[in-house]
């Protein structure tokens, strides 16, 4: 009985935090302080929340995807954008007719501020548990990337995440009848994770992939071809093979423009049938694109 009462009180407190913030937007909230506002302005183009197929939704922005999966036992959110984007994400969830308290898990694709910066606020406001790989969890707990990240030194810190659940490659997360599979896709970051599930609509079931970034970008002075970074290159090459082999009827990526998702969304708004997100070979094309980018990067470094 005592645990039941505590759960009710905790749920009420979580809801009151979000409601109070919505009522008083000028109150300083340390979990919502803007990060990299000039870059974020490019990513946070307002976007209407939409059901993409079955129980799969997008609740993010023109330049940052935030996914949502509806299950018979609650909601699963994927990524959290930057802190200043959280109010819009929460508003989009509500616009779809859902409640924040229904979010049970938040999946992390990559522990960079543009995807993980809003996780702490979203976890607080929903009461959800953030799910991440072991390397990502270490970064999320401290709110800062380590020296194993190719972009180390050029990344902004973000609010640390406290309530975490570790998941490994190939392991599954169940919520009600929905099963989400974690697929380790390191390289862009050591902790990058992609997520797959089945989404059904009108008897048509699709394999959906929400993929982490695959692009080999780095801080100034970093050389992928340096011997000490050989493991990163190996990780990227293995990741390309993993993504290429995924069952993949419908691909969503952390940054939509990396897979043409921004253009697909615009077409979807005007002509949802046939669904422009359903593209045969989308994961193969996504992996192939960045495999080529890595090859060019290595050739450029070899050329001096």
C-alpha atoms as a PDB file:
ATOM      1  CA  UNK A   1       0.000   0.000   0.000  1.00  0.00           C
ATOM      2  CA  UNK A   2       2.807   2.394   0.904  1.00  0.00           C
ATOM      3  CA  UNK A   3       4.575   1.778  -2.438  1.00  0.00           C
ATOM      4  CA  UNK A   4       1.326   2.401  -4.307  1.00  0.00           C
ATOM      5  CA  UNK A   5       0.824   5.733  -2.521  1.00  0.00           C
ATOM      6  CA  UNK A   6       4.434   6.724  -3.207  1.00  0.00           C
ATOM      7  CA  UNK A   7       3.989   5.950  -6.905  1.00  0.00           C
ATOM      8  CA  UNK A   8       0.925   8.170  -7.073  1.00  0.00           C
ATOM      9  CA  UNK A   9       2.727  11.017  -5.317  1.00  0.00           C
ATOM     10  CA  UNK A  10       5.773  10.667  -7.583  1.00  0.00           C
ATOM     11  CA  UNK A  11       3.578  10.698 -10.694  1.00  0.00           C
ATOM     12  CA  UNK A  12       1.817  13.811  -9.448  1.00  0.00           C
ATOM     13  CA  UNK A  13       5.112  15.568  -8.762  1.00  0.00           C
ATOM     14  CA  UNK A  14       6.433  14.684 -12.215  1.00  0.00           C
ATOM     15  CA  UNK A  15       3.334  16.059 -13.888  1.00  0.00           C
ATOM     16  CA  UNK A  16       3.392  19.190 -11.733  1.00  0.00           C
ATOM     17  CA  UNK A  17       6.962  20.014 -12.765  1.00  0.00           C
ATOM     18  CA  UNK A  18       6.088  19.978 -16.454  1.00  0.00           C
ATOM     19  CA  UNK A  19       2.804  21.820 -15.886  1.00  0.00           C
ATOM     20  CA  UNK A  20       4.463  24.503 -13.760  1.00  0.00           C
ATOM     21  CA  UNK A  21       7.131  25.032 -16.363  1.00  0.00           C
ATOM     22  CA  UNK A  22       4.533  25.337 -19.111  1.00  0.00           C
ATOM     23  CA  UNK A  23       2.648  27.911 -17.035  1.00  0.00           C
ATOM     24  CA  UNK A  24       5.794  29.895 -16.216  1.00  0.00           C
ATOM     25  CA  UNK A  25       8.123  29.584 -19.232  1.00  0.00           C
ATOM     26  CA  UNK A  26      10.362  32.426 -18.001  1.00  0.00           C
ATOM     27  CA  UNK A  27      11.444  30.504 -14.893  1.00  0.00           C
ATOM     28  CA  UNK A  28      15.049  29.308 -15.237  1.00  0.00           C
ATOM     29  CA  UNK A  29      15.180  25.543 -15.525  1.00  0.00           C
ATOM     30  CA  UNK A  30      18.744  24.167 -15.451  1.00  0.00           C
ATOM     31  CA  UNK A  31      17.704  21.140 -17.497  1.00  0.00           C
ATOM     32  CA  UNK A  32      16.351  23.349 -20.287  1.00  0.00           C
ATOM     33  CA  UNK A  33      19.151  25.880 -20.635  1.00  0.00           C
ATOM     34  CA  UNK A  34      19.953  26.248 -24.342  1.00  0.00           C
ATOM     35  CA  UNK A  35      22.975  24.493 -25.810  1.00  0.00           C
ATOM     36  CA  UNK A  36      24.685  25.699 -29.013  1.00  0.00           C
ATOM     37  CA  UNK A  37      21.746  27.964 -29.939  1.00  0.00           C
ATOM     38  CA  UNK A  38      23.089  28.905 -33.378  1.00  0.00           C
ATOM     39  CA  UNK A  39      23.478  25.265 -34.451  1.00  0.00           C
ATOM     40  CA  UNK A  40      20.268  24.224 -32.719  1.00  0.00           C
ATOM     41  CA  UNK A  41      18.315  26.883 -34.584  1.00  0.00           C
ATOM     42  CA  UNK A  42      19.031  24.970 -37.798  1.00  0.00           C
ATOM     43  CA  UNK A  43      17.889  21.685 -36.296  1.00  0.00           C
ATOM     44  CA  UNK A  44      14.772  22.807 -34.433  1.00  0.00           C
ATOM     45  CA  UNK A  45      12.563  23.792 -37.358  1.00  0.00           C
ATOM     46  CA  UNK A  46       8.993  23.210 -36.101  1.00  0.00           C
ATOM     47  CA  UNK A  47       7.429  20.063 -37.485  1.00  0.00           C
ATOM     48  CA  UNK A  48       3.910  18.724 -37.077  1.00  0.00           C
ATOM     49  CA  UNK A  49       3.812  15.480 -35.064  1.00  0.00           C
ATOM     50  CA  UNK A  50       2.741  12.673 -37.347  1.00  0.00           C
ATOM     51  CA  UNK A  51       1.973   8.992 -37.377  1.00  0.00           C
ATOM     52  CA  UNK A  52       4.337   7.523 -39.964  1.00  0.00           C
ATOM     53  CA  UNK A  53       3.032   3.957 -39.945  1.00  0.00           C
ATOM     54  CA  UNK A  54       0.985   1.959 -37.482  1.00  0.00           C
ATOM     55  CA  UNK A  55       2.154   2.756 -33.968  1.00  0.00           C
ATOM     56  CA  UNK A  56       5.248   4.635 -35.147  1.00  0.00           C
ATOM     57  CA  UNK A  57       5.249   8.441 -34.862  1.00  0.00           C
ATOM     58  CA  UNK A  58       7.631  11.376 -35.225  1.00  0.00           C
ATOM     59  CA  UNK A  59       7.414  14.117 -32.584  1.00  0.00           C
ATOM     60  CA  UNK A  60      10.593  16.058 -33.305  1.00  0.00           C
ATOM     61  CA  UNK A  61      11.853  18.665 -35.702  1.00  0.00           C
ATOM     62  CA  UNK A  62      12.883  19.347 -39.261  1.00  0.00           C
ATOM     63  CA  UNK A  63      16.544  18.689 -38.473  1.00  0.00           C
ATOM     64  CA  UNK A  64      16.353  16.282 -35.534  1.00  0.00           C
ATOM     65  CA  UNK A  65      14.161  13.209 -35.445  1.00  0.00           C
ATOM     66  CA  UNK A  66      12.513  12.205 -32.198  1.00  0.00           C
ATOM     67  CA  UNK A  67      10.607   8.948 -32.508  1.00  0.00           C
ATOM     68  CA  UNK A  68       7.608   7.668 -30.575  1.00  0.00           C
ATOM     69  CA  UNK A  69       6.249   4.129 -30.406  1.00  0.00           C
ATOM     70  CA  UNK A  70       2.770   3.506 -29.032  1.00  0.00           C
ATOM     71  CA  UNK A  71       2.317   0.183 -27.276  1.00  0.00           C
ATOM     72  CA  UNK A  72      -0.555  -1.377 -25.376  1.00  0.00           C
ATOM     73  CA  UNK A  73       1.332  -0.646 -22.129  1.00  0.00           C
ATOM     74  CA  UNK A  74       2.574   2.909 -22.723  1.00  0.00           C
ATOM     75  CA  UNK A  75       4.908   4.887 -24.937  1.00  0.00           C
ATOM     76  CA  UNK A  76       8.542   4.558 -25.961  1.00  0.00           C
ATOM     77  CA  UNK A  77      10.372   7.745 -26.961  1.00  0.00           C
ATOM     78  CA  UNK A  78      13.558   7.733 -29.039  1.00  0.00           C
ATOM     79  CA  UNK A  79      16.071  10.538 -28.417  1.00  0.00           C
ATOM     80  CA  UNK A  80      15.605  13.886 -26.707  1.00  0.00           C
ATOM     81  CA  UNK A  81      17.114  16.550 -29.012  1.00  0.00           C
ATOM     82  CA  UNK A  82      18.664  19.591 -27.294  1.00  0.00           C
ATOM     83  CA  UNK A  83      17.329  20.877 -23.955  1.00  0.00           C
ATOM     84  CA  UNK A  84      15.585  23.903 -25.476  1.00  0.00           C
ATOM     85  CA  UNK A  85      13.631  21.564 -27.749  1.00  0.00           C
ATOM     86  CA  UNK A  86      12.011  19.617 -24.894  1.00  0.00           C
ATOM     87  CA  UNK A  87       8.909  21.840 -24.510  1.00  0.00           C
ATOM     88  CA  UNK A  88       8.120  21.361 -28.207  1.00  0.00           C
ATOM     89  CA  UNK A  89       8.619  17.579 -27.973  1.00  0.00           C
ATOM     90  CA  UNK A  90       6.288  17.412 -24.987  1.00  0.00           C
ATOM     91  CA  UNK A  91       3.736  19.594 -26.751  1.00  0.00           C
ATOM     92  CA  UNK A  92       3.896  17.304 -29.790  1.00  0.00           C
ATOM     93  CA  UNK A  93       3.283  14.254 -27.609  1.00  0.00           C
ATOM     94  CA  UNK A  94       0.213  15.938 -26.160  1.00  0.00           C
ATOM     95  CA  UNK A  95      -0.992  17.045 -29.611  1.00  0.00           C
ATOM     96  CA  UNK A  96      -1.176  13.392 -30.585  1.00  0.00           C
ATOM     97  CA  UNK A  97      -3.514  12.792 -27.651  1.00  0.00           C
ATOM     98  CA  UNK A  98      -0.958  11.126 -25.384  1.00  0.00           C
ATOM     99  CA  UNK A  99       0.105  12.031 -21.850  1.00  0.00           C
ATOM    100  CA  UNK A 100       3.683  12.512 -20.700  1.00  0.00           C
ATOM    101  CA  UNK A 101       3.216  10.025 -17.872  1.00  0.00           C
ATOM    102  CA  UNK A 102       2.539   7.328 -20.467  1.00  0.00           C
ATOM    103  CA  UNK A 103       6.183   7.481 -21.649  1.00  0.00           C
ATOM    104  CA  UNK A 104       7.879   4.503 -19.962  1.00  0.00           C
ATOM    105  CA  UNK A 105      11.217   4.337 -21.783  1.00  0.00           C
ATOM    106  CA  UNK A 106      13.414   6.794 -23.672  1.00  0.00           C
ATOM    107  CA  UNK A 107      15.910   5.171 -26.041  1.00  0.00           C
ATOM    108  CA  UNK A 108      19.245   6.866 -26.737  1.00  0.00           C
ATOM    109  CA  UNK A 109      20.802   6.611 -30.191  1.00  0.00           C
ATOM    110  CA  UNK A 110      24.002   8.539 -29.478  1.00  0.00           C
ATOM    111  CA  UNK A 111      25.349  10.444 -26.465  1.00  0.00           C
ATOM    112  CA  UNK A 112      25.915  13.825 -28.126  1.00  0.00           C
ATOM    113  CA  UNK A 113      24.253  17.000 -26.937  1.00  0.00           C
ATOM    114  CA  UNK A 114      22.064  17.302 -30.052  1.00  0.00           C
ATOM    115  CA  UNK A 115      20.345  13.969 -29.337  1.00  0.00           C
ATOM    116  CA  UNK A 116      20.914  13.497 -25.602  1.00  0.00           C
ATOM    117  CA  UNK A 117      20.755  17.076 -24.312  1.00  0.00           C
ATOM    118  CA  UNK A 118      17.027  16.862 -23.610  1.00  0.00           C
ATOM    119  CA  UNK A 119      17.018  13.380 -22.065  1.00  0.00           C
ATOM    120  CA  UNK A 120      17.380  14.535 -18.452  1.00  0.00           C
ATOM    121  CA  UNK A 121      14.416  16.917 -18.689  1.00  0.00           C
ATOM    122  CA  UNK A 122      12.263  14.397 -20.551  1.00  0.00           C
ATOM    123  CA  UNK A 123      13.074  11.673 -18.023  1.00  0.00           C
ATOM    124  CA  UNK A 124      12.181  14.026 -15.182  1.00  0.00           C
ATOM    125  CA  UNK A 125       8.931  15.187 -16.757  1.00  0.00           C
ATOM    126  CA  UNK A 126       7.730  11.739 -17.768  1.00  0.00           C
ATOM    127  CA  UNK A 127       9.230   9.542 -15.063  1.00  0.00           C
ATOM    128  CA  UNK A 128      10.626   7.321 -17.831  1.00  0.00           C
ATOM    129  CA  UNK A 129      13.847   5.308 -17.757  1.00  0.00           C
ATOM    130  CA  UNK A 130      16.525   6.144 -20.334  1.00  0.00           C
ATOM    131  CA  UNK A 131      17.871   3.067 -22.126  1.00  0.00           C
ATOM    132  CA  UNK A 132      21.368   3.113 -23.634  1.00  0.00           C
ATOM    133  CA  UNK A 133      24.456   1.040 -24.398  1.00  0.00           C
ATOM    134  CA  UNK A 134      27.177   0.673 -21.784  1.00  0.00           C
ATOM    135  CA  UNK A 135      29.547   3.208 -23.430  1.00  0.00           C
ATOM    136  CA  UNK A 136      26.696   5.668 -23.960  1.00  0.00           C
ATOM    137  CA  UNK A 137      25.518   5.324 -20.359  1.00  0.00           C
ATOM    138  CA  UNK A 138      28.954   6.374 -19.091  1.00  0.00           C
ATOM    139  CA  UNK A 139      28.729   9.559 -21.174  1.00  0.00           C
ATOM    140  CA  UNK A 140      25.104  10.235 -20.261  1.00  0.00           C
ATOM    141  CA  UNK A 141      25.848   9.954 -16.543  1.00  0.00           C
ATOM    142  CA  UNK A 142      28.530  12.643 -16.704  1.00  0.00           C
ATOM    143  CA  UNK A 143      26.947  14.745 -19.477  1.00  0.00           C
ATOM    144  CA  UNK A 144      30.194  14.936 -21.395  1.00  0.00           C
ATOM    145  CA  UNK A 145      31.873  12.821 -24.074  1.00  0.00           C
ATOM    146  CA  UNK A 146      35.173  11.100 -23.421  1.00  0.00           C
ATOM    147  CA  UNK A 147      38.424  11.154 -25.343  1.00  0.00           C
ATOM    148  CA  UNK A 148      37.387   8.063 -27.351  1.00  0.00           C
ATOM    149  CA  UNK A 149      34.894  10.208 -29.292  1.00  0.00           C
ATOM    150  CA  UNK A 150      36.205  11.504 -32.652  1.00  0.00           C
ATOM    151  CA  UNK A 151      34.526  14.829 -31.878  1.00  0.00           C
ATOM    152  CA  UNK A 152      36.036  15.109 -28.394  1.00  0.00           C
ATOM    153  CA  UNK A 153      36.972  18.687 -27.598  1.00  0.00           C
ATOM    154  CA  UNK A 154      34.368  20.153 -29.891  1.00  0.00           C
ATOM    155  CA  UNK A 155      31.230  18.919 -28.142  1.00  0.00           C
ATOM    156  CA  UNK A 156      29.113  20.849 -25.666  1.00  0.00           C
ATOM    157  CA  UNK A 157      28.325  19.373 -22.263  1.00  0.00           C
ATOM    158  CA  UNK A 158      24.685  18.569 -21.480  1.00  0.00           C
ATOM    159  CA  UNK A 159      22.570  17.802 -18.377  1.00  0.00           C
ATOM    160  CA  UNK A 160      23.564  14.404 -16.946  1.00  0.00           C
ATOM    161  CA  UNK A 161      21.053  11.563 -16.930  1.00  0.00           C
ATOM    162  CA  UNK A 162      20.571   9.653 -13.684  1.00  0.00           C
ATOM    163  CA  UNK A 163      17.886   7.015 -14.303  1.00  0.00           C
ATOM    164  CA  UNK A 164      19.466   4.602 -16.781  1.00  0.00           C
ATOM    165  CA  UNK A 165      19.017   1.049 -17.957  1.00  0.00           C
ATOM    166  CA  UNK A 166      21.860  -0.650 -19.825  1.00  0.00           C
ATOM    167  CA  UNK A 167      21.119  -2.726 -22.914  1.00  0.00           C
ATOM    168  CA  UNK A 168      23.487  -4.720 -25.096  1.00  0.00           C
ATOM    169  CA  UNK A 169      23.702  -5.455 -28.792  1.00  0.00           C
ATOM    170  CA  UNK A 170      20.900  -7.781 -29.882  1.00  0.00           C
ATOM    171  CA  UNK A 171      19.031  -7.530 -26.590  1.00  0.00           C
ATOM    172  CA  UNK A 172      15.343  -6.698 -26.580  1.00  0.00           C
ATOM    173  CA  UNK A 173      13.192  -4.264 -24.667  1.00  0.00           C
ATOM    174  CA  UNK A 174       9.553  -5.252 -24.162  1.00  0.00           C
ATOM    175  CA  UNK A 175       6.644  -2.982 -23.352  1.00  0.00           C
ATOM    176  CA  UNK A 176       3.310  -4.718 -23.564  1.00  0.00           C
ATOM    177  CA  UNK A 177       3.263  -6.700 -26.809  1.00  0.00           C
ATOM    178  CA  UNK A 178       5.865  -4.467 -28.489  1.00  0.00           C
ATOM    179  CA  UNK A 179       9.459  -5.674 -28.769  1.00  0.00           C
ATOM    180  CA  UNK A 180      12.300  -3.273 -29.626  1.00  0.00           C
ATOM    181  CA  UNK A 181      15.729  -4.695 -30.466  1.00  0.00           C
ATOM    182  CA  UNK A 182      18.937  -2.793 -29.728  1.00  0.00           C
ATOM    183  CA  UNK A 183      21.656  -2.937 -32.385  1.00  0.00           C
ATOM    184  CA  UNK A 184      25.074  -1.534 -31.545  1.00  0.00           C
ATOM    185  CA  UNK A 185      26.230   0.776 -34.336  1.00  0.00           C
ATOM    186  CA  UNK A 186      29.419   2.398 -32.968  1.00  0.00           C
ATOM    187  CA  UNK A 187      31.840   4.601 -34.849  1.00  0.00           C
ATOM    188  CA  UNK A 188      30.219   8.026 -34.918  1.00  0.00           C
ATOM    189  CA  UNK A 189      30.336   7.558 -31.135  1.00  0.00           C
ATOM    190  CA  UNK A 190      31.478   4.507 -29.192  1.00  0.00           C
ATOM    191  CA  UNK A 191      28.023   4.229 -27.625  1.00  0.00           C
ATOM    192  CA  UNK A 192      25.855   4.663 -30.716  1.00  0.00           C
ATOM    193  CA  UNK A 193      22.829   2.378 -30.808  1.00  0.00           C
ATOM    194  CA  UNK A 194      20.174   1.829 -33.457  1.00  0.00           C
ATOM    195  CA  UNK A 195      16.714   0.442 -32.702  1.00  0.00           C
ATOM    196  CA  UNK A 196      14.403  -1.876 -34.648  1.00  0.00           C
ATOM    197  CA  UNK A 197      10.798  -2.987 -34.212  1.00  0.00           C
ATOM    198  CA  UNK A 198       7.738  -4.161 -36.135  1.00  0.00           C
ATOM    199  CA  UNK A 199       4.974  -1.671 -36.867  1.00  0.00           C
ATOM    200  CA  UNK A 200       1.612  -2.894 -38.160  1.00  0.00           C
ATOM    201  CA  UNK A 201      -1.204  -1.019 -39.827  1.00  0.00           C
ATOM    202  CA  UNK A 202      -4.261  -2.485 -41.540  1.00  0.00           C
ATOM    203  CA  UNK A 203      -2.692  -5.917 -41.615  1.00  0.00           C
ATOM    204  CA  UNK A 204       0.542  -4.617 -43.141  1.00  0.00           C
ATOM    205  CA  UNK A 205       3.549  -5.060 -40.852  1.00  0.00           C
ATOM    206  CA  UNK A 206       6.851  -3.322 -41.540  1.00  0.00           C
ATOM    207  CA  UNK A 207      10.326  -3.626 -40.058  1.00  0.00           C
ATOM    208  CA  UNK A 208      11.224  -0.152 -38.797  1.00  0.00           C
ATOM    209  CA  UNK A 209      14.778   1.024 -38.116  1.00  0.00           C
ATOM    210  CA  UNK A 210      15.628   4.162 -36.161  1.00  0.00           C
ATOM    211  CA  UNK A 211      19.325   4.462 -36.946  1.00  0.00           C
ATOM    212  CA  UNK A 212      22.080   6.416 -35.267  1.00  0.00           C
ATOM    213  CA  UNK A 213      24.358   8.702 -37.254  1.00  0.00           C
ATOM    214  CA  UNK A 214      27.007   6.913 -39.323  1.00  0.00           C
ATOM    215  CA  UNK A 215      28.991   9.891 -40.598  1.00  0.00           C
ATOM    216  CA  UNK A 216      32.726   9.962 -39.797  1.00  0.00           C
ATOM    217  CA  UNK A 217      33.034  13.527 -38.539  1.00  0.00           C
ATOM    218  CA  UNK A 218      35.573  14.720 -36.017  1.00  0.00           C
ATOM    219  CA  UNK A 219      37.098  17.582 -34.109  1.00  0.00           C
ATOM    220  CA  UNK A 220      39.827  19.596 -35.827  1.00  0.00           C
ATOM    221  CA  UNK A 221      43.126  17.755 -35.972  1.00  0.00           C
ATOM    222  CA  UNK A 222      41.628  14.276 -35.583  1.00  0.00           C
ATOM    223  CA  UNK A 223      42.835  11.744 -38.142  1.00  0.00           C
ATOM    224  CA  UNK A 224      40.841   8.566 -38.687  1.00  0.00           C
ATOM    225  CA  UNK A 225      43.911   7.112 -40.403  1.00  0.00           C
ATOM    226  CA  UNK A 226      46.107   7.500 -37.315  1.00  0.00           C
ATOM    227  CA  UNK A 227      47.156   4.104 -35.885  1.00  0.00           C
ATOM    228  CA  UNK A 228      45.680   4.949 -32.493  1.00  0.00           C
ATOM    229  CA  UNK A 229      42.261   5.386 -34.143  1.00  0.00           C
ATOM    230  CA  UNK A 230      42.248   2.092 -36.030  1.00  0.00           C
ATOM    231  CA  UNK A 231      39.577   0.692 -33.685  1.00  0.00           C
ATOM    232  CA  UNK A 232      37.212   3.541 -34.582  1.00  0.00           C
ATOM    233  CA  UNK A 233      37.590   2.828 -38.293  1.00  0.00           C
ATOM    234  CA  UNK A 234      37.030  -0.869 -37.655  1.00  0.00           C
ATOM    235  CA  UNK A 235      33.884  -0.040 -35.669  1.00  0.00           C
ATOM    236  CA  UNK A 236      32.545   2.102 -38.493  1.00  0.00           C
ATOM    237  CA  UNK A 237      33.177  -0.591 -41.078  1.00  0.00           C
ATOM    238  CA  UNK A 238      31.475  -3.207 -38.926  1.00  0.00           C
ATOM    239  CA  UNK A 239      28.567  -0.837 -38.357  1.00  0.00           C
ATOM    240  CA  UNK A 240      28.087  -0.343 -42.091  1.00  0.00           C
ATOM    241  CA  UNK A 241      27.744  -4.116 -42.433  1.00  0.00           C
ATOM    242  CA  UNK A 242      25.301  -4.329 -39.519  1.00  0.00           C
ATOM    243  CA  UNK A 243      23.055  -1.573 -40.875  1.00  0.00           C
ATOM    244  CA  UNK A 244      23.223  -2.981 -44.408  1.00  0.00           C
ATOM    245  CA  UNK A 245      21.942  -6.348 -43.130  1.00  0.00           C
ATOM    246  CA  UNK A 246      19.080  -5.070 -40.958  1.00  0.00           C
ATOM    247  CA  UNK A 247      15.486  -5.983 -41.874  1.00  0.00           C
ATOM    248  CA  UNK A 248      14.490  -2.505 -42.996  1.00  0.00           C
ATOM    249  CA  UNK A 249      11.215  -1.597 -44.665  1.00  0.00           C
ATOM    250  CA  UNK A 250      11.095   1.896 -43.164  1.00  0.00           C
ATOM    251  CA  UNK A 251      14.184   3.870 -42.152  1.00  0.00           C
ATOM    252  CA  UNK A 252      14.285   6.836 -39.777  1.00  0.00           C
ATOM    253  CA  UNK A 253      17.607   8.444 -38.842  1.00  0.00           C
ATOM    254  CA  UNK A 254      18.676  10.639 -35.942  1.00  0.00           C
ATOM    255  CA  UNK A 255      19.276  13.492 -38.394  1.00  0.00           C
ATOM    256  CA  UNK A 256      16.562  13.115 -41.055  1.00  0.00           C
ATOM    257  CA  UNK A 257      18.563  14.771 -43.828  1.00  0.00           C
ATOM    258  CA  UNK A 258      21.218  12.046 -43.610  1.00  0.00           C
ATOM    259  CA  UNK A 259      18.778   9.575 -45.164  1.00  0.00           C
ATOM    260  CA  UNK A 260      16.518  11.945 -47.119  1.00  0.00           C
ATOM    261  CA  UNK A 261      13.982  11.858 -44.305  1.00  0.00           C
ATOM    262  CA  UNK A 262      13.380  15.592 -44.455  1.00  0.00           C
ATOM    263  CA  UNK A 263      12.254  15.359 -48.079  1.00  0.00           C
ATOM    264  CA  UNK A 264      10.217  12.219 -47.351  1.00  0.00           C
ATOM    265  CA  UNK A 265       8.366  13.983 -44.543  1.00  0.00           C
ATOM    266  CA  UNK A 266       7.390  16.866 -46.808  1.00  0.00           C
ATOM    267  CA  UNK A 267       6.092  14.446 -49.425  1.00  0.00           C
ATOM    268  CA  UNK A 268       4.258  12.501 -46.725  1.00  0.00           C
ATOM    269  CA  UNK A 269       2.336  15.593 -45.642  1.00  0.00           C
ATOM    270  CA  UNK A 270       0.945  16.151 -49.130  1.00  0.00           C
ATOM    271  CA  UNK A 271       0.760  12.561 -50.379  1.00  0.00           C
ATOM    272  CA  UNK A 272       0.903   9.921 -47.610  1.00  0.00           C
ATOM    273  CA  UNK A 273       0.024   7.078 -49.981  1.00  0.00           C
ATOM    274  CA  UNK A 274       2.112   5.391 -51.156  1.00  0.00           C
ATOM    275  CA  UNK A 275       4.147   6.059 -48.037  1.00  0.00           C
ATOM    276  CA  UNK A 276       7.379   7.831 -49.116  1.00  0.00           C
ATOM    277  CA  UNK A 277       9.175   6.467 -46.043  1.00  0.00           C
ATOM    278  CA  UNK A 278       8.776   2.910 -47.303  1.00  0.00           C
ATOM    279  CA  UNK A 279      11.811   2.539 -49.552  1.00  0.00           C
ATOM    280  CA  UNK A 280      13.309  -0.855 -50.468  1.00  0.00           C
ATOM    281  CA  UNK A 281      17.020  -0.938 -49.739  1.00  0.00           C
ATOM    282  CA  UNK A 282      16.965   2.215 -47.568  1.00  0.00           C
ATOM    283  CA  UNK A 283      19.341   0.810 -44.946  1.00  0.00           C
ATOM    284  CA  UNK A 284      21.719  -0.507 -47.594  1.00  0.00           C
ATOM    285  CA  UNK A 285      21.785   2.920 -49.231  1.00  0.00           C
ATOM    286  CA  UNK A 286      22.312   4.647 -45.871  1.00  0.00           C
ATOM    287  CA  UNK A 287      25.268   2.420 -44.996  1.00  0.00           C
ATOM    288  CA  UNK A 288      26.711   2.710 -48.485  1.00  0.00           C
ATOM    289  CA  UNK A 289      26.538   6.500 -48.424  1.00  0.00           C
ATOM    290  CA  UNK A 290      28.671   6.825 -45.306  1.00  0.00           C
ATOM    291  CA  UNK A 291      30.966   3.971 -46.249  1.00  0.00           C
ATOM    292  CA  UNK A 292      31.836   6.141 -49.237  1.00  0.00           C
ATOM    293  CA  UNK A 293      32.286   9.201 -47.030  1.00  0.00           C
ATOM    294  CA  UNK A 294      34.707   7.289 -44.801  1.00  0.00           C
ATOM    295  CA  UNK A 295      36.682   6.072 -47.827  1.00  0.00           C
ATOM    296  CA  UNK A 296      37.008   9.635 -49.100  1.00  0.00           C
ATOM    297  CA  UNK A 297      38.066  10.860 -45.658  1.00  0.00           C
ATOM    298  CA  UNK A 298      40.776   8.217 -45.386  1.00  0.00           C
ATOM    299  CA  UNK A 299      41.989   8.926 -48.924  1.00  0.00           C
ATOM    300  CA  UNK A 300      42.111  12.649 -48.179  1.00  0.00           C
ATOM    301  CA  UNK A 301      44.150  12.072 -45.039  1.00  0.00           C
ATOM    302  CA  UNK A 302      46.526   9.778 -46.931  1.00  0.00           C
ATOM    303  CA  UNK A 303      46.993  12.496 -49.525  1.00  0.00           C
ATOM    304  CA  UNK A 304      48.127  14.902 -46.867  1.00  0.00           C
END
